[in-house]
C-alpha atoms as a PDB file:
ATOM      1  CA  MET A   1      18.555  -3.686  -6.647  1.00  0.00           C
ATOM      2  CA  ASN A   2      14.795  -3.531  -7.336  1.00  0.00           C
ATOM      3  CA  ARG A   3      12.602  -0.429  -7.537  1.00  0.00           C
ATOM      4  CA  ILE A   4      11.576  -0.584  -3.862  1.00  0.00           C
ATOM      5  CA  ASP A   5      15.167  -0.818  -2.629  1.00  0.00           C
ATOM      6  CA  LYS A   6      16.272   1.972  -4.969  1.00  0.00           C
ATOM      7  CA  MET A   7      13.448   4.205  -3.765  1.00  0.00           C
ATOM      8  CA  PHE A   8      14.301   3.810  -0.081  1.00  0.00           C
ATOM      9  CA  SER A   9      18.014   4.264  -0.817  1.00  0.00           C
ATOM     10  CA  THR A  10      17.342   7.514  -2.673  1.00  0.00           C
ATOM     11  CA  LEU A  11      15.087   8.873   0.074  1.00  0.00           C
ATOM     12  CA  ARG A  12      17.621   7.953   2.739  1.00  0.00           C
ATOM     13  CA  ARG A  13      20.184  10.145   1.001  1.00  0.00           C
ATOM     14  CA  ARG A  14      17.636  12.975   0.807  1.00  0.00           C
ATOM     15  CA  ASN A  15      16.671  12.521   4.476  1.00  0.00           C
ATOM     16  CA  GLU A  16      13.027  11.893   3.632  1.00  0.00           C
ATOM     17  CA  ALA A  17      10.490   9.239   4.515  1.00  0.00           C
ATOM     18  CA  ALA A  18       8.541   7.532   1.746  1.00  0.00           C
ATOM     19  CA  LEU A  19       4.940   8.517   1.147  1.00  0.00           C
ATOM     20  CA  ILE A  20       2.948   5.390   0.275  1.00  0.00           C
ATOM     21  CA  PRO A  21      -0.677   6.056  -0.750  1.00  0.00           C
ATOM     22  CA  PHE A  22      -3.226   3.254  -1.155  1.00  0.00           C
ATOM     23  CA  VAL A  23      -6.148   3.028  -3.590  1.00  0.00           C
ATOM     24  CA  THR A  24      -8.634   0.245  -4.295  1.00  0.00           C
ATOM     25  CA  THR A  25      -8.304  -0.990  -7.867  1.00  0.00           C
ATOM     26  CA  GLY A  26     -11.502  -0.409  -9.824  1.00  0.00           C
ATOM     27  CA  ASP A  27     -13.063   2.160  -7.484  1.00  0.00           C
ATOM     28  CA  PRO A  28     -14.953   3.816  -9.078  1.00  0.00           C
ATOM     29  CA  ASP A  29     -13.619   2.129 -12.246  1.00  0.00           C
ATOM     30  CA  LEU A  30     -10.316   1.017 -13.783  1.00  0.00           C
ATOM     31  CA  PRO A  31      -9.682   4.129 -15.909  1.00  0.00           C
ATOM     32  CA  SER A  32     -10.186   6.305 -12.837  1.00  0.00           C
ATOM     33  CA  THR A  33      -7.794   4.201 -10.746  1.00  0.00           C
ATOM     34  CA  GLU A  34      -5.172   4.380 -13.474  1.00  0.00           C
ATOM     35  CA  ALA A  35      -5.528   8.140 -13.828  1.00  0.00           C
ATOM     36  CA  ILE A  36      -5.383   8.661 -10.057  1.00  0.00           C
ATOM     37  CA  CYS A  37      -2.245   6.512  -9.744  1.00  0.00           C
ATOM     38  CA  LEU A  38      -0.456   8.521 -12.414  1.00  0.00           C
ATOM     39  CA  GLU A  39      -1.545  11.749 -10.721  1.00  0.00           C
ATOM     40  CA  MET A  40      -0.232  10.548  -7.343  1.00  0.00           C
ATOM     41  CA  ALA A  41       3.102   9.615  -8.917  1.00  0.00           C
ATOM     42  CA  GLU A  42       3.287  13.060 -10.510  1.00  0.00           C
ATOM     43  CA  LYS A  43       2.459  14.816  -7.212  1.00  0.00           C
ATOM     44  CA  GLY A  44       5.149  13.106  -5.146  1.00  0.00           C
ATOM     45  CA  ALA A  45       4.062   9.619  -4.083  1.00  0.00           C
ATOM     46  CA  ASP A  46       7.101   7.377  -3.656  1.00  0.00           C
ATOM     47  CA  LEU A  47       5.346   3.989  -3.844  1.00  0.00           C
ATOM     48  CA  ILE A  48       1.705   3.099  -4.530  1.00  0.00           C
ATOM     49  CA  GLU A  49      -0.287   0.298  -2.917  1.00  0.00           C
ATOM     50  CA  LEU A  50      -2.958  -1.124  -5.196  1.00  0.00           C
ATOM     51  CA  GLY A  51      -5.748  -2.890  -3.342  1.00  0.00           C
ATOM     52  CA  LEU A  52      -7.134  -6.009  -4.999  1.00  0.00           C
ATOM     53  CA  PRO A  53     -10.845  -5.954  -4.104  1.00  0.00           C
ATOM     54  CA  PHE A  54     -12.082  -8.891  -2.053  1.00  0.00           C
ATOM     55  CA  SER A  55     -15.469  -9.792  -0.584  1.00  0.00           C
ATOM     56  CA  ASP A  56     -14.201 -10.280   2.982  1.00  0.00           C
ATOM     57  CA  PRO A  57     -11.378  -7.784   3.640  1.00  0.00           C
ATOM     58  CA  LEU A  58     -10.922  -8.604   7.327  1.00  0.00           C
ATOM     59  CA  ALA A  59      -8.144  -6.083   8.004  1.00  0.00           C
ATOM     60  CA  ASP A  60     -10.010  -3.172   6.459  1.00  0.00           C
ATOM     61  CA  GLY A  61     -12.399  -0.706   8.001  1.00  0.00           C
ATOM     62  CA  PRO A  62     -15.707   0.554   6.576  1.00  0.00           C
ATOM     63  CA  THR A  63     -14.169   2.992   4.079  1.00  0.00           C
ATOM     64  CA  ILE A  64     -12.016   0.445   2.254  1.00  0.00           C
ATOM     65  CA  GLN A  65     -14.633  -2.293   2.651  1.00  0.00           C
ATOM     66  CA  ALA A  66     -17.095  -0.082   0.801  1.00  0.00           C
ATOM     67  CA  ALA A  67     -14.521   0.652  -1.899  1.00  0.00           C
ATOM     68  CA  SER A  68     -13.956  -3.083  -2.357  1.00  0.00           C
ATOM     69  CA  GLN A  69     -17.692  -3.626  -2.765  1.00  0.00           C
ATOM     70  CA  ARG A  70     -17.908  -0.885  -5.378  1.00  0.00           C
ATOM     71  CA  ALA A  71     -14.965  -2.388  -7.270  1.00  0.00           C
ATOM     72  CA  LEU A  72     -16.414  -5.894  -7.088  1.00  0.00           C
ATOM     73  CA  LYS A  73     -19.576  -4.592  -8.757  1.00  0.00           C
ATOM     74  CA  ASN A  74     -17.264  -3.731 -11.658  1.00  0.00           C
ATOM     75  CA  ASN A  75     -16.128  -7.399 -11.681  1.00  0.00           C
ATOM     76  CA  ILE A  76     -12.487  -6.461 -11.033  1.00  0.00           C
ATOM     77  CA  THR A  77     -10.167  -9.491 -11.202  1.00  0.00           C
ATOM     78  CA  PRO A  78      -6.421  -9.995 -10.642  1.00  0.00           C
ATOM     79  CA  LEU A  79      -5.975  -9.972 -14.421  1.00  0.00           C
ATOM     80  CA  ASP A  80      -7.632  -6.541 -14.623  1.00  0.00           C
ATOM     81  CA  LEU A  81      -5.189  -5.261 -12.014  1.00  0.00           C
ATOM     82  CA  PHE A  82      -2.202  -6.755 -13.848  1.00  0.00           C
ATOM     83  CA  GLU A  83      -3.280  -5.205 -17.149  1.00  0.00           C
ATOM     84  CA  MET A  84      -3.693  -1.809 -15.472  1.00  0.00           C
ATOM     85  CA  VAL A  85      -0.257  -2.105 -13.880  1.00  0.00           C
ATOM     86  CA  ALA A  86       1.270  -2.855 -17.281  1.00  0.00           C
ATOM     87  CA  ARG A  87      -0.280   0.336 -18.666  1.00  0.00           C
ATOM     88  CA  ILE A  88       0.914   2.397 -15.689  1.00  0.00           C
ATOM     89  CA  ARG A  89       4.366   0.891 -15.941  1.00  0.00           C
ATOM     90  CA  ARG A  90       4.758   2.216 -19.485  1.00  0.00           C
ATOM     91  CA  LYS A  91       4.388   5.748 -18.099  1.00  0.00           C
ATOM     92  CA  THR A  92       6.177   5.725 -14.730  1.00  0.00           C
ATOM     93  CA  GLY A  93       8.856   3.828 -12.850  1.00  0.00           C
ATOM     94  CA  ILE A  94       7.255   4.344  -9.421  1.00  0.00           C
ATOM     95  CA  PRO A  95       7.276   1.158  -7.294  1.00  0.00           C
ATOM     96  CA  LEU A  96       3.882  -0.582  -7.279  1.00  0.00           C
ATOM     97  CA  VAL A  97       2.771  -3.074  -4.631  1.00  0.00           C
ATOM     98  CA  LEU A  98      -0.376  -5.190  -4.598  1.00  0.00           C
ATOM     99  CA  MET A  99      -2.253  -5.342  -1.304  1.00  0.00           C
ATOM    100  CA  GLY A 100      -4.718  -8.226  -1.280  1.00  0.00           C
ATOM    101  CA  TYR A 101      -6.021 -11.279   0.511  1.00  0.00           C
ATOM    102  CA  PHE A 102      -4.804 -14.822   0.037  1.00  0.00           C
ATOM    103  CA  ASN A 103      -7.950 -16.444  -1.360  1.00  0.00           C
ATOM    104  CA  PRO A 104      -7.719 -14.819  -4.828  1.00  0.00           C
ATOM    105  CA  VAL A 105      -3.982 -15.530  -4.944  1.00  0.00           C
ATOM    106  CA  TYR A 106      -4.531 -19.182  -4.064  1.00  0.00           C
ATOM    107  CA  ARG A 107      -7.336 -19.607  -6.589  1.00  0.00           C
ATOM    108  CA  TYR A 108      -5.233 -18.009  -9.334  1.00  0.00           C
ATOM    109  CA  GLY A 109      -2.309 -20.320  -8.517  1.00  0.00           C
ATOM    110  CA  LEU A 110       0.690 -19.177  -6.481  1.00  0.00           C
ATOM    111  CA  GLU A 111       3.416 -19.539  -9.106  1.00  0.00           C
ATOM    112  CA  ARG A 112       1.205 -18.185 -11.890  1.00  0.00           C
ATOM    113  CA  PHE A 113       0.057 -15.229  -9.779  1.00  0.00           C
ATOM    114  CA  ALA A 114       3.623 -14.310  -8.820  1.00  0.00           C
ATOM    115  CA  ARG A 115       4.868 -14.659 -12.401  1.00  0.00           C
ATOM    116  CA  ASP A 116       2.025 -12.637 -13.923  1.00  0.00           C
ATOM    117  CA  ALA A 117       2.308  -9.948 -11.245  1.00  0.00           C
ATOM    118  CA  ALA A 118       6.021  -9.504 -11.851  1.00  0.00           C
ATOM    119  CA  GLU A 119       5.658  -9.556 -15.635  1.00  0.00           C
ATOM    120  CA  ALA A 120       2.999  -6.847 -15.425  1.00  0.00           C
ATOM    121  CA  GLY A 121       5.391  -4.618 -13.477  1.00  0.00           C
ATOM    122  CA  LEU A 122       4.445  -5.086  -9.835  1.00  0.00           C
ATOM    123  CA  ASP A 123       7.303  -4.921  -7.352  1.00  0.00           C
ATOM    124  CA  GLY A 124       5.814  -6.689  -4.351  1.00  0.00           C
ATOM    125  CA  THR A 125       2.767  -7.903  -2.461  1.00  0.00           C
ATOM    126  CA  ILE A 126       1.172  -7.434   0.957  1.00  0.00           C
ATOM    127  CA  ILE A 127      -1.117 -10.291   2.020  1.00  0.00           C
ATOM    128  CA  PRO A 128      -2.428  -9.418   5.502  1.00  0.00           C
ATOM    129  CA  ASP A 129      -4.279 -12.689   6.157  1.00  0.00           C
ATOM    130  CA  LEU A 130      -1.319 -14.972   5.382  1.00  0.00           C
ATOM    131  CA  PRO A 131       0.661 -15.643   8.590  1.00  0.00           C
ATOM    132  CA  LEU A 132       4.368 -16.362   8.424  1.00  0.00           C
ATOM    133  CA  GLU A 133       3.888 -19.983   9.474  1.00  0.00           C
ATOM    134  CA  GLU A 134       1.687 -20.653   6.424  1.00  0.00           C
ATOM    135  CA  ALA A 135       3.489 -18.444   3.920  1.00  0.00           C
ATOM    136  CA  GLY A 136       6.327 -20.752   2.868  1.00  0.00           C
ATOM    137  CA  SER A 137       4.951 -21.667  -0.557  1.00  0.00           C
ATOM    138  CA  TRP A 138       4.021 -18.093  -1.364  1.00  0.00           C
ATOM    139  CA  ILE A 139       7.371 -16.724  -0.164  1.00  0.00           C
ATOM    140  CA  LYS A 140       9.114 -19.201  -2.476  1.00  0.00           C
ATOM    141  CA  ALA A 141       6.892 -18.302  -5.452  1.00  0.00           C
ATOM    142  CA  ALA A 142       7.320 -14.565  -4.872  1.00  0.00           C
ATOM    143  CA  LYS A 143      11.093 -14.852  -4.529  1.00  0.00           C
ATOM    144  CA  THR A 144      11.356 -16.904  -7.716  1.00  0.00           C
ATOM    145  CA  ALA A 145       9.382 -14.242  -9.611  1.00  0.00           C
ATOM    146  CA  GLY A 146      11.404 -11.385  -8.116  1.00  0.00           C
ATOM    147  CA  LEU A 147       8.557  -9.957  -6.033  1.00  0.00           C
ATOM    148  CA  ALA A 148       9.069  -8.466  -2.589  1.00  0.00           C
ATOM    149  CA  ASN A 149       6.926 -10.223   0.019  1.00  0.00           C
ATOM    150  CA  ILE A 150       6.039  -7.527   2.546  1.00  0.00           C
ATOM    151  CA  LEU A 151       5.016  -8.847   5.961  1.00  0.00           C
ATOM    152  CA  LEU A 152       3.154  -7.120   8.782  1.00  0.00           C
ATOM    153  CA  VAL A 153       3.716  -6.716  12.512  1.00  0.00           C
ATOM    154  CA  ALA A 154       1.461  -5.084  15.102  1.00  0.00           C
ATOM    155  CA  PRO A 155       2.063  -3.289  18.412  1.00  0.00           C
ATOM    156  CA  ASN A 156       1.278  -6.512  20.301  1.00  0.00           C
ATOM    157  CA  THR A 157       3.546  -8.767  18.221  1.00  0.00           C
ATOM    158  CA  PRO A 158       5.867 -10.597  20.665  1.00  0.00           C
ATOM    159  CA  GLU A 159       9.526  -9.693  20.292  1.00  0.00           C
ATOM    160  CA  ALA A 160      10.633 -13.176  19.245  1.00  0.00           C
ATOM    161  CA  ARG A 161       7.964 -13.326  16.559  1.00  0.00           C
ATOM    162  CA  LEU A 162       8.768  -9.807  15.396  1.00  0.00           C
ATOM    163  CA  GLU A 163      12.369 -10.909  14.850  1.00  0.00           C
ATOM    164  CA  ARG A 164      11.266 -13.864  12.711  1.00  0.00           C
ATOM    165  CA  ILE A 165       8.928 -11.721  10.619  1.00  0.00           C
ATOM    166  CA  ALA A 166      11.550  -8.995  10.210  1.00  0.00           C
ATOM    167  CA  LYS A 167      14.022 -11.578   8.950  1.00  0.00           C
ATOM    168  CA  ALA A 168      11.520 -13.032   6.448  1.00  0.00           C
ATOM    169  CA  THR A 169      10.082  -9.792   5.032  1.00  0.00           C
ATOM    170  CA  SER A 170      11.435  -8.236   1.856  1.00  0.00           C
ATOM    171  CA  GLY A 171      11.053  -4.754   0.426  1.00  0.00           C
ATOM    172  CA  PHE A 172      10.062  -3.321   3.780  1.00  0.00           C
ATOM    173  CA  LEU A 173       8.368  -4.273   7.041  1.00  0.00           C
ATOM    174  CA  TYR A 174       4.784  -3.047   7.429  1.00  0.00           C
ATOM    175  CA  TYR A 175       4.154  -1.828  10.987  1.00  0.00           C
ATOM    176  CA  VAL A 176       0.445  -1.668  11.815  1.00  0.00           C
ATOM    177  CA  SER A 177      -0.036   1.360  14.037  1.00  0.00           C
ATOM    178  CA  VAL A 178      -3.036   0.020  15.961  1.00  0.00           C
ATOM    179  CA  THR A 179      -4.459  -3.323  16.994  1.00  0.00           C
ATOM    180  CA  GLY A 180      -7.510  -3.049  14.797  1.00  0.00           C
ATOM    181  CA  ILE A 181      -8.708  -2.373  11.280  1.00  0.00           C
ATOM    182  CA  THR A 182      -7.836   0.323   8.762  1.00  0.00           C
ATOM    183  CA  GLY A 183      -9.514   3.706   8.936  1.00  0.00           C
ATOM    184  CA  ALA A 184      -8.583   7.372   9.272  1.00  0.00           C
ATOM    185  CA  ARG A 185      -8.133   8.459  12.903  1.00  0.00           C
ATOM    186  CA  THR A 186      -7.867  11.858  14.528  1.00  0.00           C
ATOM    187  CA  THR A 187      -5.362  10.534  17.079  1.00  0.00           C
ATOM    188  CA  LEU A 188      -2.709   7.840  16.993  1.00  0.00           C
ATOM    189  CA  PRO A 189      -1.414   5.751  19.914  1.00  0.00           C
ATOM    190  CA  ASP A 190       0.862   7.604  22.326  1.00  0.00           C
ATOM    191  CA  ASN A 191       3.428   4.797  22.213  1.00  0.00           C
ATOM    192  CA  LEU A 192       3.538   4.503  18.418  1.00  0.00           C
ATOM    193  CA  ALA A 193       6.996   6.068  18.077  1.00  0.00           C
ATOM    194  CA  GLN A 194       8.414   3.669  20.675  1.00  0.00           C
ATOM    195  CA  GLY A 195       6.856   0.718  18.880  1.00  0.00           C
ATOM    196  CA  LEU A 196       8.384   1.807  15.587  1.00  0.00           C
ATOM    197  CA  GLN A 197      11.784   2.235  17.179  1.00  0.00           C
ATOM    198  CA  ALA A 198      11.552  -1.277  18.626  1.00  0.00           C
ATOM    199  CA  ALA A 199      10.623  -2.692  15.215  1.00  0.00           C
ATOM    200  CA  LYS A 200      13.550  -0.908  13.596  1.00  0.00           C
ATOM    201  CA  ARG A 201      15.952  -2.375  16.137  1.00  0.00           C
ATOM    202  CA  HIS A 202      14.948  -5.856  14.979  1.00  0.00           C
ATOM    203  CA  CYS A 203      14.709  -5.177  11.247  1.00  0.00           C
ATOM    204  CA  ARG A 204      17.511  -4.401   8.815  1.00  0.00           C
ATOM    205  CA  LYS A 205      15.016  -3.453   6.118  1.00  0.00           C
ATOM    206  CA  PRO A 206      13.004  -0.222   5.984  1.00  0.00           C
ATOM    207  CA  VAL A 207       9.979  -0.004   8.289  1.00  0.00           C
ATOM    208  CA  ALA A 208       6.802   1.669   7.018  1.00  0.00           C
ATOM    209  CA  VAL A 209       3.803   2.447   9.206  1.00  0.00           C
ATOM    210  CA  GLY A 210       0.131   2.363   8.229  1.00  0.00           C
ATOM    211  CA  PHE A 211      -3.462   2.216   9.560  1.00  0.00           C
ATOM    212  CA  GLY A 212      -5.158   5.371  10.771  1.00  0.00           C
ATOM    213  CA  ILE A 213      -2.821   8.003   9.304  1.00  0.00           C
ATOM    214  CA  SER A 214      -4.787  10.766   7.617  1.00  0.00           C
ATOM    215  CA  ARG A 215      -3.208  14.198   8.200  1.00  0.00           C
ATOM    216  CA  PRO A 216       0.020  16.013   7.257  1.00  0.00           C
ATOM    217  CA  ASP A 217       0.907  16.636  10.911  1.00  0.00           C
ATOM    218  CA  GLN A 218       0.717  12.889  11.583  1.00  0.00           C
ATOM    219  CA  VAL A 219       2.913  12.221   8.538  1.00  0.00           C
ATOM    220  CA  GLU A 220       5.420  14.830   9.719  1.00  0.00           C
ATOM    221  CA  MET A 221       5.618  13.302  13.202  1.00  0.00           C
ATOM    222  CA  LEU A 222       5.975   9.722  11.981  1.00  0.00           C
ATOM    223  CA  SER A 223       8.530  10.646   9.314  1.00  0.00           C
ATOM    224  CA  GLN A 224      11.010  11.361  12.094  1.00  0.00           C
ATOM    225  CA  VAL A 225      10.887   7.668  13.073  1.00  0.00           C
ATOM    226  CA  ALA A 226       9.547   5.527  10.218  1.00  0.00           C
ATOM    227  CA  ASP A 227      11.081   4.965   6.788  1.00  0.00           C
ATOM    228  CA  GLY A 228       7.683   5.098   5.091  1.00  0.00           C
ATOM    229  CA  ILE A 229       4.188   6.404   5.822  1.00  0.00           C
ATOM    230  CA  ILE A 230       1.146   4.592   4.393  1.00  0.00           C
ATOM    231  CA  VAL A 231      -2.102   6.520   3.883  1.00  0.00           C
ATOM    232  CA  GLY A 232      -5.142   4.627   2.642  1.00  0.00           C
ATOM    233  CA  SER A 233      -8.626   5.330   3.985  1.00  0.00           C
ATOM    234  CA  ALA A 234      -8.263   9.119   3.782  1.00  0.00           C
ATOM    235  CA  ILE A 235      -7.471   8.846   0.062  1.00  0.00           C
ATOM    236  CA  VAL A 236     -10.202   6.296  -0.616  1.00  0.00           C
ATOM    237  CA  ARG A 237     -12.695   8.619   1.090  1.00  0.00           C
ATOM    238  CA  ILE A 238     -11.678  11.527  -1.175  1.00  0.00           C
ATOM    239  CA  ILE A 239     -12.315   9.312  -4.188  1.00  0.00           C
ATOM    240  CA  GLU A 240     -15.718   8.282  -2.846  1.00  0.00           C
ATOM    241  CA  GLU A 241     -16.767  11.840  -2.048  1.00  0.00           C
ATOM    242  CA  ASN A 242     -15.676  13.201  -5.432  1.00  0.00           C
ATOM    243  CA  THR A 243     -17.032  10.603  -7.832  1.00  0.00           C
ATOM    244  CA  VAL A 244     -19.804  11.733 -10.174  1.00  0.00           C
ATOM    245  CA  SER A 245     -21.984   8.642 -10.332  1.00  0.00           C
ATOM    246  CA  ASP A 246     -23.863   9.572 -13.484  1.00  0.00           C
ATOM    247  CA  GLY A 247     -20.997  11.055 -15.504  1.00  0.00           C
ATOM    248  CA  SER A 248     -18.739   9.634 -18.178  1.00  0.00           C
ATOM    249  CA  ILE A 249     -15.642   7.744 -17.060  1.00  0.00           C
ATOM    250  CA  PRO A 250     -13.277  10.728 -17.631  1.00  0.00           C
ATOM    251  CA  GLY A 251     -15.709  12.946 -15.722  1.00  0.00           C
ATOM    252  CA  ARG A 252     -15.861  10.507 -12.840  1.00  0.00           C
ATOM    253  CA  ALA A 253     -12.084  10.529 -12.547  1.00  0.00           C
ATOM    254  CA  LEU A 254     -11.478  14.241 -13.029  1.00  0.00           C
ATOM    255  CA  GLU A 255     -12.637  15.718  -9.731  1.00  0.00           C
ATOM    256  CA  ALA A 256     -11.281  12.897  -7.581  1.00  0.00           C
ATOM    257  CA  LYS A 257      -7.960  12.840  -9.421  1.00  0.00           C
ATOM    258  CA  GLY A 258      -7.264  16.496  -8.780  1.00  0.00           C
ATOM    259  CA  LYS A 259      -8.229  16.388  -5.112  1.00  0.00           C
ATOM    260  CA  VAL A 260      -6.229  13.214  -4.456  1.00  0.00           C
ATOM    261  CA  GLY A 261      -3.236  14.738  -6.218  1.00  0.00           C
ATOM    262  CA  ASP A 262      -3.410  17.892  -4.089  1.00  0.00           C
ATOM    263  CA  PHE A 263      -3.710  15.788  -0.916  1.00  0.00           C
ATOM    264  CA  VAL A 264      -0.741  13.601  -1.864  1.00  0.00           C
ATOM    265  CA  LYS A 265       1.352  16.702  -2.586  1.00  0.00           C
ATOM    266  CA  GLU A 266       0.484  18.097   0.842  1.00  0.00           C
ATOM    267  CA  LEU A 267       1.310  14.817   2.578  1.00  0.00           C
ATOM    268  CA  LYS A 268       4.597  14.427   0.702  1.00  0.00           C
ATOM    269  CA  SER A 269       5.724  17.887   1.800  1.00  0.00           C
ATOM    270  CA  ALA A 270       5.514  16.595   5.389  1.00  0.00           C
ATOM    271  CA  THR A 271       7.950  13.693   4.876  1.00  0.00           C
ATOM    272  CA  LEU A 272      11.152  15.746   5.038  1.00  0.00           C
ATOM    273  CA  ARG A 273      12.947  14.978   8.271  1.00  0.00           C
ATOM    274  CA  SER A 274      14.113  17.791  10.518  1.00  0.00           C
END
């Protein structure tokens, strides 16, 4: 049983949903990302998504797009992410998942990318622009390396296709809450709970929901239905708003780290099911 499976099994016994925060690797810099990840693990995160910055992040809204651009100015590469993961892994056993687009994976080489990711200590990947019909080679490479290959479904995914994706996903199924891009929202779709319940009927693996979730009350509501709650843009925005652009690297991380940690602690307190 890998770290992702163990985490969901433990939370199931505790009657909790998983809190899954997302950060963009290298925003504002690698030492800051590393420090923030360790702080989130300390404050209650159950799994962390690490975004691999990319020049054309088609599934992401303005907040994460801007974070990717800032990270790319730091020349962040897959190897930088792997090296950071290896350092984090020496300090915590929290599951770590890479969220990135297929072009960098393809250029790196599928088998090599999967092997290096697993050796660094990653537990899985989410590649939003790789459809199931074209994912065969990557699924094989990820499975050989022992990586979970986490697939996505949306509210408008036809039932037959949802069943195929649910069967092929590993680690968990990522349910996209809205038909659109990432970004914090004040309201979520009225039929989101019904959509999650439908996905869970077709999937034997845990189902986590993301896109648009930004408040503890939303986390509390969704924790009654979903197995995991993914929060990205709200965290990335805290980092952006609390980065001291002219300070030293530790100074740049300090303010953002504390505020992200407090936010993660607040969100995690909302994942206990009633």
